[in-house]
Amino acid sequence: MTDETKPALRASDAEREQGITLLRDAVVEGRLTLEEFSDRVGKAQLARTEPELAALVADLPAQTVPPLPATPAVRHRAICSHLVRSGRWQLPEHSAFRSIFGTIDLDLRQATLHGEVIDVDVHNVFGTVTLIVPAGISVTVDGGGMFASEIIETPDTPPLPGSPKLRIHSSGPGGTLYVRSREQKRLQRRQ
């Protein structure tokens, strides 16, 4: 039997875990978006052979790069205005968003997270803030405010092993916070 005709070796649970760890580190380093991470971890968990597993991490370094110094907190605001962040964008370990009679839409599905735990502070004064989160990550929401509403629809799938944790801290009176795992289509009636 020649090397070309040998069947591929089966991947072990330890090798799958090692691959998932490389993928998690790649998210923290900003090499993968959350959506790419979720997709690849799902495939890693289903990989049966070593070549299938190796293909998922082939474009990533085998060793992690030493962590960069902590990124300073980023602050954004919408005062009687509309702020939208979507597509590929960077979300540092700590971000603050302030809506005062405004609207903020944050689509995190293709965002690159810089850290294993990401804190997002949302101060909402009679505004609307919507966060769209990808499947496969851990999401927690705490806080709130007087006369405020929170509609939390976390992903149906449980967090993937080693996935980043997104902590949303909400405050402020009278605002509405939506946390969704998919984009809601808004129907507009034309009169």
Foldseek 3Di string as FASTA:
>chain_A
DDPVPDDFAFDDPVLLVLLLQQLLLCLQVQNFALLLSVVLNVQSVVGTGPVSSCVSCVVPDSDHDPADPADDEAEEEAECEEAEDDDEEEAGQHYEYEYAQYEYEYERNRYRYNDLEHEYEYEYAQYEYEYAAAPQEAEEEDEEEALEEEAEAHDPDYHRPSHGYYYYYYYYPNYYYYYHNDDDDDDDDDD
